[in-house]
Amino acid sequence: FSRSMRSGNPNTVTFGPLVQKTIGDITTTANVYFEKQVGAYATDGLDVNYAVQVKYDWLRWLDPAIEYYGDVGAIDNIPTPNLQSHRIGPVMVGQLSSGNLGELKYEFGYLVGISTATPSSTFKYKLEYEIAF
């Protein structure tokens, strides 16, 4: 569940499978998300998004990967592929452990749009801190 902080924007519920398989030094992760807007300002329909990452498990703190993202659109009115959002590109991912202080995980990369509805380039980054309680 995601609650919008902007007035006039709908809240959303997102659900779907997360699948991961490792063969040798290659880890492939595929996620399919179904998203439904709820509450005030919600529109009808169920949107479909997906993400795929193929990562070479090289060093725990530095693993190269390729990521592919897509936004298919509303499942009841899927637009033609050139009107959908699709992007692909190289990404570096890693994690640093500090014992009992937790883990710092990061991702950064450069994605290029491969459809006319997608920006020609996107810089992607993610920083996450995890600690066990």
C-alpha atoms as a PDB file:
ATOM      1  CA  PHE A   1       0.000   0.000   0.000  1.00  0.00           C
ATOM      2  CA  SER A   2       1.352   3.412  -0.933  1.00  0.00           C
ATOM      3  CA  ARG A   3      -0.219   6.585   0.402  1.00  0.00           C
ATOM      4  CA  SER A   4       0.245   9.702  -1.679  1.00  0.00           C
ATOM      5  CA  MET A   5       1.562  12.792   0.099  1.00  0.00           C
ATOM      6  CA  ARG A   6       0.332  15.071  -2.709  1.00  0.00           C
ATOM      7  CA  SER A   7      -3.168  16.383  -2.710  1.00  0.00           C
ATOM      8  CA  GLY A   8      -5.107  15.162  -5.738  1.00  0.00           C
ATOM      9  CA  ASN A   9      -3.050  11.983  -6.259  1.00  0.00           C
ATOM     10  CA  PRO A  10      -4.551   8.543  -5.579  1.00  0.00           C
ATOM     11  CA  ASN A  11      -3.251   5.923  -3.167  1.00  0.00           C
ATOM     12  CA  THR A  12      -2.136   2.585  -4.647  1.00  0.00           C
ATOM     13  CA  VAL A  13      -2.060  -1.080  -3.753  1.00  0.00           C
ATOM     14  CA  THR A  14       0.727  -3.083  -5.423  1.00  0.00           C
ATOM     15  CA  PHE A  15       1.025  -6.868  -5.424  1.00  0.00           C
ATOM     16  CA  GLY A  16       2.706  -9.618  -7.420  1.00  0.00           C
ATOM     17  CA  PRO A  17       5.293 -12.396  -7.436  1.00  0.00           C
ATOM     18  CA  LEU A  18       9.020 -11.908  -6.889  1.00  0.00           C
ATOM     19  CA  VAL A  19      11.063 -14.724  -8.439  1.00  0.00           C
ATOM     20  CA  GLN A  20      14.820 -15.304  -8.094  1.00  0.00           C
ATOM     21  CA  LYS A  21      17.083 -18.086  -9.397  1.00  0.00           C
ATOM     22  CA  THR A  22      20.863 -18.489  -9.121  1.00  0.00           C
ATOM     23  CA  ILE A  23      22.801 -20.705 -11.517  1.00  0.00           C
ATOM     24  CA  GLY A  24      26.542 -20.649 -10.909  1.00  0.00           C
ATOM     25  CA  ASP A  25      27.631 -17.013 -10.578  1.00  0.00           C
ATOM     26  CA  ILE A  26      24.525 -15.560 -12.274  1.00  0.00           C
ATOM     27  CA  THR A  27      21.482 -14.482 -10.270  1.00  0.00           C
ATOM     28  CA  THR A  28      18.318 -13.608 -12.189  1.00  0.00           C
ATOM     29  CA  THR A  29      15.470 -11.790 -10.476  1.00  0.00           C
ATOM     30  CA  ALA A  30      12.080 -11.183 -12.113  1.00  0.00           C
ATOM     31  CA  ASN A  31       9.294  -9.152 -10.550  1.00  0.00           C
ATOM     32  CA  VAL A  32       5.802  -8.628 -11.952  1.00  0.00           C
ATOM     33  CA  TYR A  33       3.712  -5.980 -10.234  1.00  0.00           C
ATOM     34  CA  PHE A  34      -0.003  -5.381 -10.493  1.00  0.00           C
ATOM     35  CA  GLU A  35      -1.042  -1.942  -9.287  1.00  0.00           C
ATOM     36  CA  LYS A  36      -4.527  -0.710  -8.442  1.00  0.00           C
ATOM     37  CA  GLN A  37      -5.359   2.873  -7.542  1.00  0.00           C
ATOM     38  CA  VAL A  38      -7.659   3.257  -4.521  1.00  0.00           C
ATOM     39  CA  GLY A  39      -9.379   6.033  -2.602  1.00  0.00           C
ATOM     40  CA  ALA A  40     -10.114   9.554  -3.728  1.00  0.00           C
ATOM     41  CA  TYR A  41      -8.911  10.461  -7.243  1.00  0.00           C
ATOM     42  CA  ALA A  42      -8.447   6.778  -8.192  1.00  0.00           C
ATOM     43  CA  THR A  43      -8.984   5.694 -11.776  1.00  0.00           C
ATOM     44  CA  ASP A  44     -10.356   2.340 -12.873  1.00  0.00           C
ATOM     45  CA  GLY A  45      -8.104  -0.385 -14.177  1.00  0.00           C
ATOM     46  CA  LEU A  46      -5.242  -2.592 -13.110  1.00  0.00           C
ATOM     47  CA  ASP A  47      -1.745  -1.582 -14.264  1.00  0.00           C
ATOM     48  CA  VAL A  48       1.047  -4.097 -14.990  1.00  0.00           C
ATOM     49  CA  ASN A  49       4.754  -3.331 -14.439  1.00  0.00           C
ATOM     50  CA  TYR A  50       7.781  -5.618 -14.437  1.00  0.00           C
ATOM     51  CA  ALA A  51      11.477  -5.570 -13.620  1.00  0.00           C
ATOM     52  CA  VAL A  52      14.230  -8.044 -14.522  1.00  0.00           C
ATOM     53  CA  GLN A  53      17.788  -8.050 -13.187  1.00  0.00           C
ATOM     54  CA  VAL A  54      20.568 -10.382 -14.342  1.00  0.00           C
ATOM     55  CA  LYS A  55      23.538 -10.041 -11.965  1.00  0.00           C
ATOM     56  CA  TYR A  56      27.024 -11.522 -12.004  1.00  0.00           C
ATOM     57  CA  ASP A  57      27.920 -12.451  -8.410  1.00  0.00           C
ATOM     58  CA  TRP A  58      31.487 -11.196  -8.512  1.00  0.00           C
ATOM     59  CA  LEU A  59      32.285  -9.394  -5.255  1.00  0.00           C
ATOM     60  CA  ARG A  60      29.798  -8.946  -2.434  1.00  0.00           C
ATOM     61  CA  TRP A  61      30.430  -5.196  -2.435  1.00  0.00           C
ATOM     62  CA  LEU A  62      30.482  -4.792  -6.251  1.00  0.00           C
ATOM     63  CA  ASP A  63      28.370  -6.882  -8.646  1.00  0.00           C
ATOM     64  CA  PRO A  64      27.696  -5.853 -12.262  1.00  0.00           C
ATOM     65  CA  ALA A  65      24.168  -6.344 -13.580  1.00  0.00           C
ATOM     66  CA  ILE A  66      21.804  -5.549 -16.423  1.00  0.00           C
ATOM     67  CA  GLU A  67      18.295  -4.356 -15.595  1.00  0.00           C
ATOM     68  CA  TYR A  68      15.189  -4.091 -17.730  1.00  0.00           C
ATOM     69  CA  TYR A  69      12.027  -2.265 -16.636  1.00  0.00           C
ATOM     70  CA  GLY A  70       8.648  -2.072 -18.297  1.00  0.00           C
ATOM     71  CA  ASP A  71       5.302  -0.429 -17.688  1.00  0.00           C
ATOM     72  CA  VAL A  72       2.744  -2.213 -19.839  1.00  0.00           C
ATOM     73  CA  GLY A  73      -0.172  -0.024 -18.756  1.00  0.00           C
ATOM     74  CA  ALA A  74      -3.751  -0.837 -17.894  1.00  0.00           C
ATOM     75  CA  ILE A  75      -4.481  -4.537 -18.343  1.00  0.00           C
ATOM     76  CA  ASP A  76      -7.941  -3.860 -19.795  1.00  0.00           C
ATOM     77  CA  ASN A  77      -6.583  -1.402 -22.393  1.00  0.00           C
ATOM     78  CA  ILE A  78      -2.945  -2.283 -23.148  1.00  0.00           C
ATOM     79  CA  PRO A  79      -1.386   0.305 -25.476  1.00  0.00           C
ATOM     80  CA  THR A  80       0.876  -0.594 -28.396  1.00  0.00           C
ATOM     81  CA  PRO A  81       4.517  -1.314 -27.372  1.00  0.00           C
ATOM     82  CA  ASN A  82       5.793   2.062 -28.618  1.00  0.00           C
ATOM     83  CA  LEU A  83       3.382   3.804 -26.187  1.00  0.00           C
ATOM     84  CA  GLN A  84       4.524   1.681 -23.241  1.00  0.00           C
ATOM     85  CA  SER A  85       7.514   2.550 -21.064  1.00  0.00           C
ATOM     86  CA  HIS A  86      10.563   0.258 -21.476  1.00  0.00           C
ATOM     87  CA  ARG A  87      14.159   0.895 -20.355  1.00  0.00           C
ATOM     88  CA  ILE A  88      17.338  -1.184 -20.094  1.00  0.00           C
ATOM     89  CA  GLY A  89      20.913  -0.645 -18.973  1.00  0.00           C
ATOM     90  CA  PRO A  90      23.965  -1.556 -16.885  1.00  0.00           C
ATOM     91  CA  VAL A  91      23.792  -1.347 -13.095  1.00  0.00           C
ATOM     92  CA  MET A  92      26.264  -1.885 -10.262  1.00  0.00           C
ATOM     93  CA  VAL A  93      24.935  -3.352  -7.019  1.00  0.00           C
ATOM     94  CA  GLY A  94      26.608  -4.139  -3.743  1.00  0.00           C
ATOM     95  CA  GLN A  95      26.393  -4.391  -0.002  1.00  0.00           C
ATOM     96  CA  LEU A  96      28.729  -3.575   2.839  1.00  0.00           C
ATOM     97  CA  SER A  97      28.395  -5.301   6.214  1.00  0.00           C
ATOM     98  CA  SER A  98      29.448  -3.795   9.499  1.00  0.00           C
ATOM     99  CA  GLY A  99      28.766  -6.672  11.869  1.00  0.00           C
ATOM    100  CA  ASN A 100      26.102  -5.853  14.437  1.00  0.00           C
ATOM    101  CA  LEU A 101      25.611  -2.367  12.958  1.00  0.00           C
ATOM    102  CA  GLY A 102      23.747  -3.736   9.934  1.00  0.00           C
ATOM    103  CA  GLU A 103      24.219  -3.637   6.180  1.00  0.00           C
ATOM    104  CA  LEU A 104      24.395  -0.840   3.670  1.00  0.00           C
ATOM    105  CA  LYS A 105      23.060  -1.837   0.233  1.00  0.00           C
ATOM    106  CA  TYR A 106      23.294   0.242  -2.928  1.00  0.00           C
ATOM    107  CA  GLU A 107      22.430   0.205  -6.616  1.00  0.00           C
ATOM    108  CA  PHE A 108      23.293   2.710  -9.319  1.00  0.00           C
ATOM    109  CA  GLY A 109      23.053   2.562 -13.063  1.00  0.00           C
ATOM    110  CA  TYR A 110      22.245   4.197 -16.367  1.00  0.00           C
ATOM    111  CA  LEU A 111      19.163   3.069 -18.287  1.00  0.00           C
ATOM    112  CA  VAL A 112      18.201   3.969 -21.844  1.00  0.00           C
ATOM    113  CA  GLY A 113      14.666   4.181 -23.144  1.00  0.00           C
ATOM    114  CA  ILE A 114      13.790   1.709 -25.888  1.00  0.00           C
ATOM    115  CA  SER A 115      10.303   2.974 -26.715  1.00  0.00           C
ATOM    116  CA  THR A 116       9.056   6.375 -27.816  1.00  0.00           C
ATOM    117  CA  ALA A 117       7.072   6.801 -24.575  1.00  0.00           C
ATOM    118  CA  THR A 118      10.230   6.464 -22.431  1.00  0.00           C
ATOM    119  CA  PRO A 119      12.800   9.172 -21.682  1.00  0.00           C
ATOM    120  CA  SER A 120      15.966   8.594 -23.711  1.00  0.00           C
ATOM    121  CA  SER A 121      18.083   8.164 -20.564  1.00  0.00           C
ATOM    122  CA  THR A 122      17.556   7.658 -16.844  1.00  0.00           C
ATOM    123  CA  PHE A 123      20.041   7.598 -13.978  1.00  0.00           C
ATOM    124  CA  LYS A 124      18.936   5.080 -11.334  1.00  0.00           C
ATOM    125  CA  TYR A 125      20.129   4.880  -7.741  1.00  0.00           C
ATOM    126  CA  LYS A 126      19.015   3.204  -4.542  1.00  0.00           C
ATOM    127  CA  LEU A 127      20.530   3.326  -1.074  1.00  0.00           C
ATOM    128  CA  GLU A 128      19.235   1.068   1.692  1.00  0.00           C
ATOM    129  CA  TYR A 129      20.288   0.471   5.286  1.00  0.00           C
ATOM    130  CA  GLU A 130      19.243  -2.761   7.002  1.00  0.00           C
ATOM    131  CA  ILE A 131      19.593  -3.695  10.630  1.00  0.00           C
ATOM    132  CA  ALA A 132      18.254  -6.775  12.420  1.00  0.00           C
ATOM    133  CA  PHE A 133      16.270  -6.282  15.612  1.00  0.00           C
END
